[in-house]
Amino acid sequence: MSVGGFAVSEQRGSRIKAAAVAVVVAAASVTLAAAPAAASTPSSAGKPTLRVVKTLASNYVGPLQFAVAGPLVFVADSFTSTLNLVGRSKPIATGPMKGGDIAGVAVDPSRLSLAYTSSNADHSTTRLTILRAGRKPVVANLSRFERIHNPDGRIQYGVAHPSKCVRNALTKAGIPVNYTGQIDSHPYAVTALRNGAWAVADAGGNDLVKVDRTGHVSLLSVLPRQALHVTPQFAAAQHLPNCVIGITYYFEAVPTDVEIGHHGDLLVTTLPGGMGVAGSVYRIDRWTGRPSRIATGFDGATNLAVDPRGHVFVAEINSGTISEIVRGQRVQVASLPGVVAVEYANGHLYASTAPAASGGKGPGTIVVLGR
């Protein structure tokens, strides 16, 4: 069948997962539970300037990603592993069930191609599916690329040269002392590049990969590890001994979204694989793949959007806010409990909410923001 010009094969499956799942923290190998997030206070002292002016849909469970193409809004409902079109009652595609998901979705600027990511429950089979009007779908095997290359396999996470006391304390707390990047693929977001190619943010692999129009996969960038400097307050909250105070623990990056920046570089949000570490936004040089951090202090950075003037907006799931990056600082522009994703299109900022992703209740929504 054809939906908005895209050739889509509809598949059937069970409707809803038995239980809500974490957003993408499950993609990380390490979690320091009960630790406070290390987000900074928004630099704006005024009230949020944007509010919900229109609700487009309120019938999803976990709309963790969505894409806007003119009047069409495509929604990846991760909790039901379905790809949806707002206004259409049935899914237009169904991904792996029983713990699997469809996570990321994007439309190219020409509106002739659409791509979405999918993962099974144990991440052993992950894909990017590219749909283009009048052509057969192209399916890229992302998990195979991860198994062969494991781009962060040489990166050391955890603590370097731990003392015996530190090693024992972390082991007792169930925290890996140190390890190298593991083989894991959980493609979570996608955006269109030039010449029919796509950039995919792999939350499990801690990297960005490029998929060309034929389905060939190559590496774009590995996101840097995220440092937690253990303070006395943090150690006390974790019930850790004094010998842990002052150490640096390196977490995985866990990229959650990727967009094209104002000058052609890629912008990426990270949701570090451990509580206590603030989310950040990185710019990825389009020629070298080198990442550079442009802002940090986000309280659960799950998504970002870029408007035509280069303004960058970030969805922060933990604080239920949308912030704008202003001269390297986060400035709150909207309060939206349960927010998980933002997009800029048609002269407006769009957002999705998924209360179930953070332990809340109520349906997931797609909304339009305005003043």
Protein backbone atom coordinates (compact mmCIF):
# COMPACT_ATOMS: atom_id res chain seq x y z
CA MET A 1 0.00 0.00 0.00
CA SER A 2 1.04 3.63 -0.32
CA VAL A 3 0.93 6.18 2.50
CA GLY A 4 1.85 9.75 1.68
CA GLY A 5 3.74 8.50 -1.38
CA PHE A 6 5.75 5.87 0.54
CA ALA A 7 5.42 2.21 -0.34
CA VAL A 8 4.62 0.47 2.95
CA SER A 9 3.96 -3.19 3.61
CA GLU A 10 1.61 -3.57 6.56
CA GLN A 11 2.33 -6.32 9.06
CA ARG A 12 0.19 -7.47 11.94
CA GLY A 13 1.21 -8.23 15.49
CA SER A 14 0.15 -7.99 19.12
CA ARG A 15 -0.83 -4.52 20.19
CA ILE A 16 0.88 -3.48 23.41
CA LYS A 17 3.82 -4.70 25.42
CA ALA A 18 2.97 -6.24 28.75
CA ALA A 19 4.86 -3.57 30.65
CA ALA A 20 6.30 -0.15 29.99
CA VAL A 21 10.03 -0.10 29.31
CA ALA A 22 12.70 2.46 30.09
CA VAL A 23 13.43 4.97 27.34
CA VAL A 24 16.99 4.10 26.36
CA VAL A 25 18.79 3.74 29.64
CA ALA A 26 18.35 0.02 29.14
CA ALA A 27 20.79 0.34 26.26
CA ALA A 28 23.53 1.25 28.70
CA SER A 29 25.43 -1.31 30.69
CA VAL A 30 25.80 0.65 33.93
CA THR A 31 23.37 2.48 36.18
CA LEU A 32 24.10 4.13 39.50
CA ALA A 33 20.63 4.05 40.97
CA ALA A 34 19.17 6.72 43.24
CA ALA A 35 21.81 9.25 42.34
CA PRO A 36 20.65 12.78 41.62
CA ALA A 37 20.89 13.98 38.04
CA ALA A 38 23.72 16.42 37.54
CA ALA A 39 21.70 18.93 35.56
CA SER A 40 22.33 22.61 36.02
CA THR A 41 19.64 25.18 36.68
CA PRO A 42 18.24 26.74 33.50
CA SER A 43 19.81 30.15 32.99
CA SER A 44 16.50 31.82 32.19
CA ALA A 45 14.86 33.37 35.22
CA GLY A 46 11.61 34.10 33.36
CA LYS A 47 8.63 31.88 32.73
CA PRO A 48 8.53 29.46 29.77
CA THR A 49 7.59 31.27 26.58
CA LEU A 50 5.96 28.39 24.68
CA ARG A 51 2.81 26.43 25.46
CA VAL A 52 0.68 23.75 23.82
CA VAL A 53 -1.59 25.40 21.26
CA LYS A 54 -2.83 22.26 19.52
CA THR A 55 -2.96 18.53 20.23
CA LEU A 56 -2.67 16.48 17.07
CA ALA A 57 -2.99 13.03 18.65
CA SER A 58 -3.41 11.44 22.06
CA ASN A 59 -3.79 7.77 21.21
CA TYR A 60 -0.20 6.50 21.52
CA VAL A 61 1.58 4.75 24.39
CA GLY A 62 5.23 5.60 23.87
CA PRO A 63 5.74 8.01 20.93
CA LEU A 64 9.45 8.37 21.61
CA GLN A 65 10.24 9.67 18.11
CA PHE A 66 8.24 11.28 15.33
CA ALA A 67 8.77 13.03 12.00
CA VAL A 68 6.84 15.80 10.28
CA ALA A 69 6.56 15.99 6.48
CA GLY A 70 4.24 18.84 5.55
CA PRO A 71 0.79 17.84 6.79
CA LEU A 72 1.92 14.27 7.55
CA VAL A 73 3.14 13.26 11.00
CA PHE A 74 4.78 9.84 11.32
CA VAL A 75 5.04 8.43 14.84
CA ALA A 76 7.32 5.66 16.13
CA ASP A 77 5.46 4.22 19.10
CA SER A 78 8.26 2.32 20.75
CA PHE A 79 6.06 0.68 23.38
CA THR A 80 3.83 -0.95 20.76
CA SER A 81 6.64 -1.41 18.22
CA THR A 82 4.61 0.28 15.52
CA LEU A 83 5.10 3.00 12.92
CA ASN A 84 2.03 5.18 12.64
CA LEU A 85 0.60 8.05 10.65
CA VAL A 86 -1.42 10.56 12.67
CA GLY A 87 -5.04 10.32 11.58
CA ARG A 88 -4.74 6.72 10.45
CA SER A 89 -6.30 4.12 12.76
CA LYS A 90 -4.00 1.19 11.94
CA PRO A 91 -0.17 1.08 12.03
CA ILE A 92 1.54 1.37 8.67
CA ALA A 93 4.37 -0.92 9.81
CA THR A 94 4.98 -3.22 12.75
CA GLY A 95 8.38 -4.09 14.20
CA PRO A 96 9.61 -6.89 16.46
CA MET A 97 7.27 -7.57 19.37
CA LYS A 98 7.84 -9.09 22.85
CA GLY A 99 10.35 -6.46 23.93
CA GLY A 100 11.37 -5.19 20.51
CA ASP A 101 10.67 -1.72 19.18
CA ILE A 102 10.46 0.70 16.33
CA ALA A 103 12.34 3.66 17.77
CA GLY A 104 13.46 6.23 15.22
CA VAL A 105 11.75 7.68 12.16
CA ALA A 106 12.70 10.43 9.69
CA VAL A 107 11.64 11.79 6.30
CA ASP A 108 14.10 13.26 3.81
CA PRO A 109 13.67 16.92 2.72
CA SER A 110 12.26 15.88 -0.67
CA ARG A 111 9.54 13.93 1.16
CA LEU A 112 10.15 11.02 -1.21
CA SER A 113 11.90 8.74 1.30
CA LEU A 114 11.17 7.64 4.83
CA ALA A 115 13.41 5.60 7.15
CA TYR A 116 12.79 3.92 10.49
CA THR A 117 14.85 1.86 12.93
CA SER A 118 13.85 -1.41 14.55
CA SER A 119 15.32 -3.71 17.21
CA ASN A 120 14.37 -7.05 18.66
CA ALA A 121 14.34 -7.60 22.42
CA ASP A 122 17.97 -8.68 22.88
CA HIS A 123 19.33 -6.31 20.19
CA SER A 124 20.72 -9.21 18.19
CA THR A 125 18.83 -8.05 15.11
CA THR A 126 18.63 -4.31 14.49
CA ARG A 127 17.83 -2.61 11.22
CA LEU A 128 17.23 0.60 9.34
CA THR A 129 14.44 0.25 6.78
CA ILE A 130 14.35 2.81 3.95
CA LEU A 131 11.11 3.32 2.06
CA ARG A 132 11.00 5.22 -1.22
CA ALA A 133 8.01 5.71 -3.47
CA GLY A 134 7.93 3.22 -6.32
CA ARG A 135 10.87 1.15 -5.06
CA LYS A 136 11.39 -1.92 -2.93
CA PRO A 137 12.34 -1.24 0.71
CA VAL A 138 16.07 -1.21 1.49
CA VAL A 139 16.98 -2.87 4.79
CA ALA A 140 20.36 -2.18 6.42
CA ASN A 141 21.69 -4.69 8.96
CA LEU A 142 22.98 -2.49 11.80
CA SER A 143 23.55 -5.29 14.30
CA ARG A 144 25.85 -7.06 11.84
CA PHE A 145 27.94 -3.90 11.53
CA GLU A 146 28.16 -3.69 15.32
CA ARG A 147 29.19 -7.33 15.68
CA ILE A 148 31.94 -6.99 13.07
CA HIS A 149 33.33 -3.57 14.03
CA ASN A 150 32.18 -2.72 17.60
CA PRO A 151 33.43 0.88 17.14
CA ASP A 152 33.72 1.65 20.87
CA GLY A 153 35.33 -1.71 21.63
CA ARG A 154 38.66 -0.11 22.56
CA ILE A 155 37.18 2.53 24.83
CA GLN A 156 37.68 1.94 28.55
CA TYR A 157 34.65 2.62 30.72
CA GLY A 158 34.50 2.59 34.50
CA VAL A 159 37.47 3.52 36.71
CA ALA A 160 41.08 3.50 35.60
CA HIS A 161 43.56 1.99 38.10
CA PRO A 162 41.11 1.53 41.00
CA SER A 163 42.42 0.87 44.48
CA LYS A 164 41.41 -2.31 46.23
CA CYS A 165 38.94 -0.37 48.37
CA VAL A 166 37.33 1.24 45.29
CA ARG A 167 37.17 -2.07 43.46
CA ASN A 168 35.52 -3.79 46.41
CA ALA A 169 33.07 -0.94 46.95
CA LEU A 170 31.90 -0.88 43.33
CA THR A 171 31.69 -4.66 43.13
CA LYS A 172 29.60 -4.76 46.30
CA ALA A 173 27.28 -2.12 44.83
CA GLY A 174 26.89 -4.17 41.64
CA ILE A 175 28.73 -1.59 39.50
CA PRO A 176 31.27 -2.81 36.92
CA VAL A 177 34.72 -1.61 37.94
CA ASN A 178 36.00 -1.22 34.39
CA TYR A 179 35.26 -2.69 30.99
CA THR A 180 35.60 -1.96 27.28
CA GLY A 181 32.77 -1.17 24.91
CA GLN A 182 30.51 -4.16 24.46
CA ILE A 183 28.79 -5.43 21.35
CA ASP A 184 25.32 -3.91 21.51
CA SER A 185 23.16 -2.21 18.93
CA HIS A 186 19.99 -0.25 19.67
CA PRO A 187 19.37 2.26 16.86
CA TYR A 188 17.27 4.97 18.42
CA ALA A 189 17.13 7.90 15.99
CA VAL A 190 17.71 8.68 12.33
CA THR A 191 18.00 11.75 10.11
CA ALA A 192 18.38 12.24 6.36
CA LEU A 193 21.73 13.14 4.82
CA ARG A 194 22.58 14.01 1.23
CA ASN A 195 22.32 11.69 -1.78
CA GLY A 196 19.79 9.36 -0.21
CA ALA A 197 21.94 8.50 2.82
CA TRP A 198 20.91 8.48 6.48
CA ALA A 199 22.64 9.03 9.81
CA VAL A 200 21.61 6.71 12.64
CA ALA A 201 22.21 7.31 16.35
CA ASP A 202 22.87 3.91 17.92
CA ALA A 203 22.18 4.13 21.65
CA GLY A 204 23.61 0.67 22.26
CA GLY A 205 26.74 1.12 20.17
CA ASN A 206 27.43 4.65 21.48
CA ASP A 207 28.06 5.83 17.93
CA LEU A 208 26.67 7.34 14.76
CA VAL A 209 26.61 5.30 11.58
CA LYS A 210 25.85 6.21 7.98
CA VAL A 211 23.56 4.12 5.81
CA ASP A 212 23.69 4.86 2.09
CA ARG A 213 20.84 4.40 -0.38
CA THR A 214 21.90 0.77 -1.02
CA GLY A 215 21.93 -0.17 2.68
CA HIS A 216 25.71 -0.10 3.13
CA VAL A 217 26.68 0.82 6.71
CA SER A 218 29.78 2.80 7.70
CA LEU A 219 30.97 4.63 10.81
CA LEU A 220 30.47 8.38 11.20
CA SER A 221 31.56 8.99 14.80
CA VAL A 222 32.00 7.41 18.22
CA LEU A 223 30.56 9.52 21.01
CA PRO A 224 32.93 10.31 23.89
CA ARG A 225 32.58 8.61 27.24
CA GLN A 226 30.84 10.62 29.96
CA ALA A 227 32.70 11.45 33.18
CA LEU A 228 31.22 11.36 36.66
CA HIS A 229 33.44 12.93 39.33
CA VAL A 230 32.34 11.39 42.61
CA THR A 231 31.69 14.01 45.27
CA PRO A 232 31.11 13.44 48.99
CA GLN A 233 27.40 14.11 48.43
CA PHE A 234 27.20 11.58 45.62
CA ALA A 235 29.07 8.94 47.62
CA ALA A 236 26.74 9.46 50.58
CA ALA A 237 23.66 9.12 48.37
CA GLN A 238 25.05 5.86 46.99
CA HIS A 239 26.16 4.61 50.42
CA LEU A 240 29.72 4.30 49.11
CA PRO A 241 32.81 4.47 51.34
CA ASN A 242 35.10 7.50 51.49
CA CYS A 243 37.73 5.86 49.27
CA VAL A 244 35.39 6.36 46.30
CA ILE A 245 35.28 10.13 46.80
CA GLY A 246 37.36 11.89 44.17
CA ILE A 247 37.44 9.09 41.60
CA THR A 248 36.23 9.59 38.04
CA TYR A 249 33.84 7.01 36.66
CA TYR A 250 33.40 6.97 32.88
CA PHE A 251 29.98 6.05 31.53
CA GLU A 252 28.85 5.23 28.02
CA ALA A 253 27.45 8.12 25.98
CA VAL A 254 24.10 6.65 24.79
CA PRO A 255 23.18 8.94 21.85
CA THR A 256 19.43 9.55 21.69
CA ASP A 257 18.90 11.81 18.68
CA VAL A 258 20.70 13.16 15.63
CA GLU A 259 19.81 16.17 13.46
CA ILE A 260 21.47 18.27 10.78
CA GLY A 261 22.80 21.50 12.27
CA HIS A 262 22.52 24.97 10.77
CA HIS A 263 25.90 24.71 9.00
CA GLY A 264 25.68 21.09 7.88
CA ASP A 265 27.34 19.39 10.85
CA LEU A 266 25.42 16.79 12.84
CA LEU A 267 24.03 17.54 16.30
CA VAL A 268 23.55 14.72 18.79
CA THR A 269 21.94 14.45 22.23
CA THR A 270 23.38 12.02 24.77
CA LEU A 271 21.69 10.40 27.75
CA PRO A 272 24.67 8.96 29.66
CA GLY A 273 24.48 5.36 30.80
CA GLY A 274 24.34 6.20 34.49
CA MET A 275 22.45 8.51 36.78
CA GLY A 276 24.30 11.49 38.15
CA VAL A 277 25.74 12.51 34.79
CA ALA A 278 24.14 15.39 32.91
CA GLY A 279 23.00 15.02 29.32
CA SER A 280 24.90 16.89 26.62
CA VAL A 281 24.65 18.04 23.03
CA TYR A 282 27.57 17.38 20.68
CA ARG A 283 28.42 18.77 17.27
CA ILE A 284 29.89 16.17 14.92
CA ASP A 285 32.21 17.61 12.28
CA ARG A 286 30.82 16.48 8.93
CA TRP A 287 34.31 16.03 7.43
CA THR A 288 36.25 14.39 10.26
CA GLY A 289 33.53 12.89 12.49
CA ARG A 290 35.16 14.56 15.48
CA PRO A 291 32.67 15.31 18.29
CA SER A 292 32.77 18.54 20.30
CA ARG A 293 30.41 19.32 23.15
CA ILE A 294 28.44 22.53 22.70
CA ALA A 295 26.23 22.38 25.80
CA THR A 296 25.62 20.22 28.86
CA GLY A 297 23.57 20.17 32.06
CA PHE A 298 20.44 18.65 30.52
CA ASP A 299 18.20 16.60 32.77
CA GLY A 300 17.62 13.56 30.57
CA ALA A 301 18.31 14.78 27.01
CA THR A 302 16.24 12.49 24.80
CA ASN A 303 15.79 14.55 21.62
CA LEU A 304 16.62 17.80 19.84
CA ALA A 305 15.32 20.02 17.06
CA VAL A 306 16.93 22.73 14.95
CA ASP A 307 14.99 25.61 13.40
CA PRO A 308 15.98 27.40 10.15
CA ARG A 309 17.87 30.10 12.07
CA GLY A 310 20.03 27.53 13.84
CA HIS A 311 18.29 27.64 17.21
CA VAL A 312 18.63 24.29 19.00
CA PHE A 313 15.89 22.93 21.28
CA VAL A 314 16.32 19.95 23.62
CA ALA A 315 13.68 17.71 25.20
CA GLU A 316 14.51 16.84 28.82
CA ILE A 317 12.46 13.91 30.02
CA ASN A 318 13.44 14.01 33.70
CA SER A 319 12.48 17.65 34.25
CA GLY A 320 9.59 17.66 31.78
CA THR A 321 10.94 20.70 30.00
CA ILE A 322 12.11 21.87 26.58
CA SER A 323 15.20 24.05 26.62
CA GLU A 324 16.96 26.16 24.02
CA ILE A 325 20.74 26.36 23.81
CA VAL A 326 21.68 30.03 24.11
CA ARG A 327 25.41 30.84 24.04
CA GLY A 328 26.20 27.38 25.37
CA GLN A 329 23.63 27.52 28.19
CA ARG A 330 20.26 25.81 28.53
CA VAL A 331 17.30 28.18 28.72
CA GLN A 332 13.89 26.72 29.48
CA VAL A 333 11.30 27.63 26.85
CA ALA A 334 8.46 25.22 27.67
CA SER A 335 7.18 23.11 30.53
CA LEU A 336 5.76 19.86 29.17
CA PRO A 337 5.61 16.90 31.59
CA GLY A 338 6.49 13.63 29.92
CA VAL A 339 8.17 15.27 26.94
CA VAL A 340 10.39 12.88 24.99
CA ALA A 341 10.87 14.39 21.52
CA VAL A 342 10.83 17.69 19.63
CA GLU A 343 10.81 18.58 15.93
CA TYR A 344 10.70 21.85 14.03
CA ALA A 345 8.50 22.00 10.93
CA ASN A 346 5.99 24.22 9.18
CA GLY A 347 7.13 27.22 11.21
CA HIS A 348 6.32 25.57 14.54
CA LEU A 349 7.94 23.50 17.26
CA TYR A 350 6.25 20.12 17.64
CA ALA A 351 6.69 17.79 20.62
CA SER A 352 5.65 14.36 21.81
CA THR A 353 4.98 13.20 25.34
CA ALA A 354 5.13 9.68 26.76
CA PRO A 355 4.25 9.71 30.49
CA ALA A 356 4.76 5.93 30.69
CA ALA A 357 8.44 6.35 29.77
CA SER A 358 9.12 8.00 33.12
CA GLY A 359 6.75 5.99 35.28
CA GLY A 360 3.70 8.20 34.81
CA LYS A 361 0.20 7.51 33.55
CA GLY A 362 -1.83 8.75 30.65
CA PRO A 363 -1.60 8.56 26.87
CA GLY A 364 1.30 9.72 24.77
CA THR A 365 0.56 12.80 22.70
CA ILE A 366 1.78 14.77 19.68
CA VAL A 367 1.38 18.52 20.17
CA VAL A 368 2.18 21.82 18.51
CA LEU A 369 3.76 24.59 20.60
CA GLY A 370 3.28 28.33 20.27
CA ARG A 371 3.18 31.55 22.25
